[in-house]
Amino acid sequence: MFDRRLVVNFDWILLLAVCVLAGIGILNLYSATANWHQSTAPIYMKQLIWLGGGLLLVSLICCFDYRHLEHFAFLGYIVTLGMLVFVLVMGKTSMGATRWINLGFFNLQPSEVIKIIMIILLARIFGRTAQPEGFTLSELWQPALLLLLPVGMILKQPDLGTALMLVFISVSMLIFAGLRRSTFWSLFLLGLVTAVVGWFGLHDYQRARIQTFLNPEADPLGSGYHIIQSKIAVGSGGFFGKGFLQGTQSQLSFLPERHTDFAFSVFAEEWGFFGCSLLLFGYMFLILWGLYIARRAADRFGMFLAIGVTAMIFWHIVVNLGMVIGLLPVVGVPLPLFSYGGTSMVTTMIGVGLLMNVSMRRFMF
């Protein structure tokens, strides 16, 4: 029998926050691509279609109890690993990277899908295994192995940004699950060693991005061009910005990738510090609301599910904004609900659907 409490407890606040942020993002894409001559549907219209499809997914996800996902976590993990293997063997290559499966009407990026799958899988593991004193290093071998397999395959694509996102999300969930002090410091030292050793395993262009981050002026017309133009766009916005469709860096095509990685730079130039503050407040509200949902969850699986989705959105925001203002290397991480991209929008909306599912069923035990 249908439980009317699901309708009463539908999270309209979360839905409104997501729609407002996505709506601002679509208007920003309209401005970023206003002077493009596009033979197909405009970029902002495609993003609107992806948003509509994402909202449909949210509706479908809310129709079933999220706790059923716990039983299919390992199956979903195996299937997604198979897709990552397929990408390495027969995937679509673009701009030197092989990350997509061509489905004809849509290019599927399994490295985005694995984020949601890992969140569900780790929520199952941490939800079923409570350690009041925190996890020891020996107790983390299973989640560590499950994480390293997809991270290794994603690095082979190569896609450093998505691999780092997967690690950040997993570590965030682990911190909420609890670590012993000795385990924390052991993992910290292991991370430092891995970073030093991993430097020599990076591709040349990846090392160039990190070197450019440290000194972008060393190659202002080459590898440093993106960061320099982005910082000019953000800084030239001033307090109130230049106005909608009035940004010179974007409208005169100085700013590259302005509809994807550097969409925030377009917004900052046109709306200034004031507009950026409102946008960041919206994102901060979304993150805090996600943690609020986790705190009210009916069970540990739902709590970790909400924590994982919130961590995914949080780290995408932090890394993307760090990129566009020169605080972090450019690693190709989109801004959720803002940067253009079908897979990114769908993945984010699936996460939103899971958050709403947990929020709606907080009264059910």
Protein backbone atom coordinates (compact mmCIF):
# COMPACT_ATOMS: atom_id res chain seq x y z
CA MET A 1 0.00 0.00 0.00
CA PHE A 2 1.25 3.50 -0.84
CA ASP A 3 2.39 5.42 2.22
CA ARG A 4 1.05 9.00 2.15
CA ARG A 5 3.85 10.07 4.46
CA LEU A 6 6.16 9.91 1.42
CA VAL A 7 4.26 12.80 -0.17
CA VAL A 8 4.06 14.75 3.08
CA ASN A 9 7.81 14.36 3.62
CA PHE A 10 8.84 15.10 0.03
CA ASP A 11 11.91 17.36 0.21
CA TRP A 12 10.70 20.41 -1.73
CA ILE A 13 13.48 22.54 -0.24
CA LEU A 14 16.21 20.36 -1.74
CA LEU A 15 14.43 20.23 -5.10
CA LEU A 16 14.03 24.02 -5.16
CA ALA A 17 17.70 24.60 -4.30
CA VAL A 18 18.84 22.24 -7.07
CA CYS A 19 16.51 23.80 -9.67
CA VAL A 20 17.64 27.33 -8.79
CA LEU A 21 21.33 26.43 -9.11
CA ALA A 22 20.75 24.53 -12.36
CA GLY A 23 18.64 27.40 -13.74
CA ILE A 24 21.42 29.90 -13.02
CA GLY A 25 23.85 27.52 -14.70
CA ILE A 26 21.71 27.33 -17.86
CA LEU A 27 21.48 31.14 -18.06
CA ASN A 28 25.25 31.27 -17.65
CA LEU A 29 25.69 28.76 -20.49
CA TYR A 30 23.46 30.93 -22.68
CA SER A 31 25.80 33.85 -22.05
CA ALA A 32 28.98 31.78 -22.45
CA THR A 33 27.92 30.49 -25.88
CA ALA A 34 25.90 33.50 -27.13
CA ASN A 35 28.35 34.29 -29.94
CA TRP A 36 28.78 30.69 -31.10
CA HIS A 37 27.50 29.59 -34.50
CA GLN A 38 25.95 26.23 -33.66
CA SER A 39 24.56 23.96 -36.35
CA THR A 40 22.72 21.78 -33.83
CA ALA A 41 20.68 22.69 -30.75
CA PRO A 42 22.35 25.41 -28.61
CA ILE A 43 24.43 24.26 -25.66
CA TYR A 44 22.06 25.77 -23.11
CA MET A 45 19.10 23.94 -24.68
CA LYS A 46 20.97 20.63 -24.49
CA GLN A 47 21.72 21.33 -20.83
CA LEU A 48 18.03 22.11 -20.24
CA ILE A 49 17.12 18.75 -21.79
CA TRP A 50 19.66 16.99 -19.55
CA LEU A 51 18.18 18.79 -16.55
CA GLY A 52 14.70 17.62 -17.53
CA GLY A 53 15.97 14.06 -17.88
CA GLY A 54 17.71 14.40 -14.51
CA LEU A 55 14.49 15.54 -12.83
CA LEU A 56 12.72 12.53 -14.33
CA LEU A 57 15.43 10.31 -12.84
CA VAL A 58 14.92 11.99 -9.46
CA SER A 59 11.21 11.16 -9.65
CA LEU A 60 11.92 7.53 -10.53
CA ILE A 61 14.52 7.13 -7.78
CA CYS A 62 12.09 8.50 -5.19
CA CYS A 63 9.57 5.79 -6.09
CA PHE A 64 11.50 2.92 -4.51
CA ASP A 65 13.02 2.40 -1.08
CA TYR A 66 16.72 3.28 -1.14
CA ARG A 67 17.45 0.32 1.17
CA HIS A 68 16.96 -2.07 -1.75
CA LEU A 69 20.14 -0.63 -3.29
CA GLU A 70 22.16 -2.27 -0.53
CA HIS A 71 21.45 -5.71 -2.01
CA PHE A 72 22.62 -4.74 -5.51
CA ALA A 73 25.74 -2.79 -4.52
CA PHE A 74 28.30 -5.47 -5.47
CA LEU A 75 26.47 -6.36 -8.69
CA GLY A 76 26.47 -2.70 -9.75
CA TYR A 77 30.16 -2.48 -8.88
CA ILE A 78 31.04 -5.50 -11.05
CA VAL A 79 28.99 -4.21 -14.00
CA THR A 80 30.59 -0.77 -13.82
CA LEU A 81 34.08 -2.29 -13.58
CA GLY A 82 33.22 -4.22 -16.75
CA MET A 83 32.30 -0.93 -18.46
CA LEU A 84 35.62 0.60 -17.38
CA VAL A 85 37.44 -2.38 -18.91
CA PHE A 86 35.40 -1.95 -22.11
CA VAL A 87 36.42 1.73 -22.24
CA LEU A 88 40.11 0.80 -22.08
CA VAL A 89 39.69 -1.75 -24.88
CA MET A 90 37.09 -0.21 -27.22
CA GLY A 91 36.20 3.17 -25.76
CA LYS A 92 35.75 6.41 -27.68
CA THR A 93 38.86 8.60 -27.75
CA SER A 94 38.68 12.39 -27.76
CA MET A 95 41.50 14.92 -27.23
CA GLY A 96 43.95 12.15 -26.31
CA ALA A 97 41.75 10.55 -23.64
CA THR A 98 39.67 7.36 -23.87
CA ARG A 99 36.83 7.80 -21.39
CA TRP A 100 33.53 7.19 -23.18
CA ILE A 101 31.29 4.44 -24.54
CA ASN A 102 29.51 5.59 -27.67
CA LEU A 103 25.82 4.67 -27.38
CA GLY A 104 24.85 6.56 -30.53
CA PHE A 105 22.57 9.16 -28.96
CA PHE A 106 24.77 9.59 -25.89
CA ASN A 107 28.41 9.15 -24.89
CA LEU A 108 28.41 7.31 -21.55
CA GLN A 109 31.33 7.99 -19.20
CA PRO A 110 31.57 5.01 -16.79
CA SER A 111 34.06 6.87 -14.57
CA GLU A 112 31.17 9.17 -13.60
CA VAL A 113 28.84 6.24 -12.92
CA ILE A 114 31.39 4.56 -10.64
CA LYS A 115 31.18 7.52 -8.25
CA ILE A 116 27.56 6.69 -7.42
CA ILE A 117 28.28 2.95 -7.32
CA MET A 118 31.20 3.42 -4.90
CA ILE A 119 29.04 5.59 -2.64
CA ILE A 120 26.38 2.85 -2.48
CA LEU A 121 28.99 0.13 -1.94
CA LEU A 122 30.88 1.97 0.82
CA ALA A 123 27.57 2.93 2.46
CA ARG A 124 26.76 -0.80 2.60
CA ILE A 125 30.17 -1.68 4.07
CA PHE A 126 30.34 1.11 6.66
CA GLY A 127 26.63 0.81 7.45
CA ARG A 128 26.98 -2.85 8.35
CA THR A 129 30.33 -2.58 10.15
CA ALA A 130 30.26 -0.17 13.08
CA GLN A 131 33.53 0.42 14.92
CA PRO A 132 32.94 2.59 18.02
CA GLU A 133 36.70 3.11 18.50
CA GLY A 134 37.36 3.61 14.80
CA PHE A 135 38.67 1.39 12.01
CA THR A 136 42.16 -0.05 12.15
CA LEU A 137 44.37 -0.27 9.07
CA SER A 138 43.90 -4.05 8.82
CA GLU A 139 40.10 -3.63 8.74
CA LEU A 140 40.23 -1.37 5.68
CA TRP A 141 41.73 -3.81 3.18
CA GLN A 142 38.37 -4.61 1.56
CA PRO A 143 37.21 -1.01 0.87
CA ALA A 144 40.79 -0.09 -0.12
CA LEU A 145 40.90 -2.87 -2.73
CA LEU A 146 37.43 -2.01 -4.03
CA LEU A 147 38.57 1.61 -4.44
CA LEU A 148 41.97 0.95 -6.03
CA LEU A 149 40.59 -1.19 -8.87
CA PRO A 150 38.46 1.56 -10.50
CA VAL A 151 40.97 4.30 -9.61
CA GLY A 152 43.71 2.39 -11.44
CA MET A 153 41.57 1.93 -14.55
CA ILE A 154 40.46 5.58 -14.55
CA LEU A 155 44.09 6.72 -14.32
CA LYS A 156 44.80 4.60 -17.41
CA GLN A 157 42.21 6.53 -19.49
CA PRO A 158 43.85 8.96 -18.38
CA ASP A 159 41.54 10.97 -16.09
CA LEU A 160 43.37 12.24 -13.03
CA GLY A 161 40.54 14.53 -11.93
CA THR A 162 37.88 11.81 -11.72
CA ALA A 163 40.32 9.43 -10.01
CA LEU A 164 41.05 12.06 -7.35
CA MET A 165 37.31 12.71 -6.91
CA LEU A 166 36.74 9.02 -6.25
CA VAL A 167 39.50 9.00 -3.62
CA PHE A 168 38.22 12.22 -1.96
CA ILE A 169 34.66 10.88 -1.75
CA SER A 170 35.78 7.55 -0.28
CA VAL A 171 38.11 9.18 2.28
CA SER A 172 35.33 11.56 3.34
CA MET A 173 32.98 8.63 4.00
CA LEU A 174 35.75 6.83 5.88
CA ILE A 175 36.34 9.84 8.12
CA PHE A 176 32.64 9.89 9.03
CA ALA A 177 32.79 6.14 9.69
CA GLY A 178 35.61 6.73 12.17
CA LEU A 179 39.36 6.15 12.20
CA ARG A 180 41.73 5.40 15.01
CA ARG A 181 44.44 8.02 15.43
CA SER A 182 47.16 5.56 14.44
CA THR A 183 45.20 4.61 11.32
CA PHE A 184 44.76 8.26 10.35
CA TRP A 185 48.48 9.02 10.53
CA SER A 186 49.37 5.80 8.73
CA LEU A 187 47.01 6.71 5.87
CA PHE A 188 48.35 10.27 5.83
CA LEU A 189 51.94 9.08 5.44
CA LEU A 190 50.86 6.52 2.85
CA GLY A 191 49.15 9.31 0.92
CA LEU A 192 52.32 11.42 0.92
CA VAL A 193 54.44 8.52 -0.32
CA THR A 194 51.86 7.70 -3.00
CA ALA A 195 51.83 11.34 -4.15
CA VAL A 196 55.63 11.44 -4.49
CA VAL A 197 55.81 8.10 -6.30
CA GLY A 198 52.74 8.92 -8.40
CA TRP A 199 54.41 12.09 -9.72
CA PHE A 200 56.71 9.94 -11.86
CA GLY A 201 53.74 7.95 -13.15
CA LEU A 202 51.84 10.98 -14.45
CA HIS A 203 51.58 11.76 -18.13
CA ASP A 204 53.61 14.70 -19.42
CA TYR A 205 50.56 16.92 -19.82
CA GLN A 206 49.44 16.13 -16.25
CA ARG A 207 52.85 17.13 -14.84
CA ALA A 208 52.70 20.25 -17.03
CA ARG A 209 49.34 21.18 -15.46
CA ILE A 210 50.80 20.97 -11.95
CA GLN A 211 53.89 22.95 -12.96
CA THR A 212 51.63 25.51 -14.64
CA PHE A 213 49.61 25.79 -11.44
CA LEU A 214 52.80 26.67 -9.53
CA ASN A 215 53.96 29.17 -12.16
CA PRO A 216 51.38 29.89 -14.92
CA GLU A 217 53.35 32.90 -16.20
CA ALA A 218 56.18 30.59 -17.33
CA ASP A 219 54.11 29.69 -20.42
CA PRO A 220 51.41 32.37 -20.76
CA LEU A 221 50.44 31.42 -24.33
CA GLY A 222 50.64 27.66 -23.80
CA SER A 223 49.89 25.57 -20.73
CA GLY A 224 49.37 28.63 -18.51
CA TYR A 225 46.84 30.28 -20.82
CA HIS A 226 43.73 28.74 -19.27
CA ILE A 227 44.54 29.75 -15.69
CA ILE A 228 45.72 33.25 -16.61
CA GLN A 229 42.60 34.05 -18.68
CA SER A 230 40.36 32.58 -16.00
CA LYS A 231 41.93 34.72 -13.26
CA ILE A 232 41.60 37.81 -15.47
CA ALA A 233 37.90 37.05 -16.01
CA VAL A 234 37.22 36.48 -12.31
CA GLY A 235 39.16 39.57 -11.21
CA SER A 236 37.73 41.89 -13.84
CA GLY A 237 34.20 41.31 -12.56
CA GLY A 238 34.79 43.64 -9.62
CA PHE A 239 32.06 43.87 -6.99
CA PHE A 240 28.89 43.89 -9.11
CA GLY A 241 30.25 42.53 -12.40
CA LYS A 242 30.04 43.78 -15.98
CA GLY A 243 26.47 42.60 -16.50
CA PHE A 244 24.75 39.75 -18.29
CA LEU A 245 26.25 39.13 -21.77
CA GLN A 246 28.77 41.93 -21.17
CA GLY A 247 31.84 39.91 -20.15
CA THR A 248 34.77 40.69 -22.46
CA GLN A 249 36.85 37.60 -21.67
CA SER A 250 33.99 35.27 -22.60
CA GLN A 251 32.23 37.23 -25.34
CA LEU A 252 35.51 37.97 -27.15
CA SER A 253 36.57 34.31 -26.81
CA PHE A 254 39.68 34.89 -24.70
CA LEU A 255 38.46 32.38 -22.11
CA PRO A 256 38.75 28.73 -23.25
CA GLU A 257 36.40 25.94 -22.16
CA ARG A 258 34.03 28.59 -20.85
CA HIS A 259 30.99 26.31 -21.05
CA THR A 260 32.59 23.41 -19.14
CA ASP A 261 35.54 23.67 -16.73
CA PHE A 262 35.58 27.49 -16.62
CA ALA A 263 31.84 28.24 -16.55
CA PHE A 264 32.24 29.88 -13.14
CA SER A 265 34.76 32.35 -14.63
CA VAL A 266 32.07 33.59 -17.03
CA PHE A 267 29.64 34.04 -14.15
CA ALA A 268 32.23 35.83 -11.99
CA GLU A 269 33.04 38.31 -14.76
CA GLU A 270 29.40 39.16 -15.42
CA TRP A 271 28.05 39.19 -11.86
CA GLY A 272 31.10 40.06 -9.78
CA PHE A 273 31.80 39.37 -6.13
CA PHE A 274 28.18 39.99 -5.14
CA GLY A 275 26.77 37.45 -7.59
CA CYS A 276 29.46 34.90 -6.75
CA SER A 277 28.69 35.26 -3.04
CA LEU A 278 25.02 34.46 -3.68
CA LEU A 279 25.94 31.49 -5.85
CA LEU A 280 28.37 30.13 -3.24
CA PHE A 281 25.74 30.64 -0.55
CA GLY A 282 23.40 28.46 -2.65
CA TYR A 283 26.03 25.74 -2.88
CA MET A 284 26.79 26.02 0.84
CA PHE A 285 23.08 25.60 1.60
CA LEU A 286 22.98 22.49 -0.61
CA ILE A 287 25.94 20.93 1.23
CA LEU A 288 24.57 21.74 4.69
CA TRP A 289 21.15 20.41 3.73
CA GLY A 290 22.78 17.17 2.55
CA LEU A 291 24.49 16.77 5.94
CA TYR A 292 21.17 17.58 7.63
CA ILE A 293 19.54 14.75 5.66
CA ALA A 294 22.36 12.40 6.71
CA ARG A 295 21.87 13.35 10.36
CA ARG A 296 18.13 12.56 10.18
CA ALA A 297 18.47 9.32 8.17
CA ALA A 298 16.49 6.32 9.41
CA ASP A 299 19.46 3.93 9.32
CA ARG A 300 23.24 3.83 8.96
CA PHE A 301 23.07 2.85 5.28
CA GLY A 302 20.96 5.92 4.52
CA MET A 303 23.26 8.11 6.60
CA PHE A 304 26.38 7.03 4.69
CA LEU A 305 24.53 7.25 1.39
CA ALA A 306 23.67 10.90 2.10
CA ILE A 307 27.22 11.61 3.34
CA GLY A 308 28.71 10.11 0.16
CA VAL A 309 26.49 12.11 -2.20
CA THR A 310 27.12 15.31 -0.24
CA ALA A 311 30.87 14.65 -0.31
CA MET A 312 30.71 14.11 -4.09
CA ILE A 313 29.02 17.48 -4.64
CA PHE A 314 31.27 19.23 -2.12
CA TRP A 315 34.56 18.07 -3.64
CA HIS A 316 33.45 18.91 -7.16
CA ILE A 317 32.67 22.44 -6.02
CA VAL A 318 35.95 22.86 -4.13
CA VAL A 319 38.18 21.49 -6.89
CA ASN A 320 36.45 23.35 -9.73
CA LEU A 321 36.51 26.71 -7.93
CA GLY A 322 40.11 26.08 -6.89
CA MET A 323 40.96 25.50 -10.56
CA VAL A 324 39.35 28.63 -11.96
CA ILE A 325 40.97 30.99 -9.43
CA GLY A 326 44.40 29.37 -9.62
CA LEU A 327 44.48 27.68 -6.20
CA LEU A 328 44.52 24.16 -7.66
CA PRO A 329 45.86 22.60 -10.88
CA VAL A 330 43.47 22.26 -13.83
CA VAL A 331 42.25 18.65 -13.70
CA GLY A 332 39.00 18.87 -15.68
CA VAL A 333 36.46 18.64 -12.85
CA PRO A 334 33.05 20.21 -13.68
CA LEU A 335 31.05 22.45 -11.36
CA PRO A 336 27.88 20.51 -10.40
CA LEU A 337 24.63 21.74 -12.00
CA PHE A 338 26.61 24.56 -13.65
CA SER A 339 29.16 23.21 -16.13
CA TYR A 340 27.87 21.76 -19.39
CA GLY A 341 27.88 17.98 -19.63
CA GLY A 342 25.21 15.31 -19.91
CA THR A 343 26.94 12.62 -17.85
CA SER A 344 27.88 15.11 -15.13
CA MET A 345 24.31 16.44 -14.92
CA VAL A 346 22.79 12.95 -14.84
CA THR A 347 25.26 11.75 -12.18
CA THR A 348 24.57 14.78 -10.00
CA MET A 349 20.81 14.38 -10.36
CA ILE A 350 21.03 10.68 -9.46
CA GLY A 351 22.84 11.80 -6.30
CA VAL A 352 20.12 14.36 -5.62
CA GLY A 353 17.50 11.64 -6.10
CA LEU A 354 19.26 9.45 -3.51
CA LEU A 355 19.38 12.37 -1.07
CA MET A 356 15.65 12.99 -1.52
CA ASN A 357 14.94 9.27 -1.13
CA VAL A 358 16.78 9.16 2.21
CA SER A 359 15.06 12.37 3.33
CA MET A 360 11.55 11.12 2.43
CA ARG A 361 11.97 7.83 4.30
CA ARG A 362 13.55 9.16 7.46
CA PHE A 363 10.44 8.13 9.45
CA MET A 364 10.52 4.49 8.26
CA PHE A 365 12.25 1.83 10.35
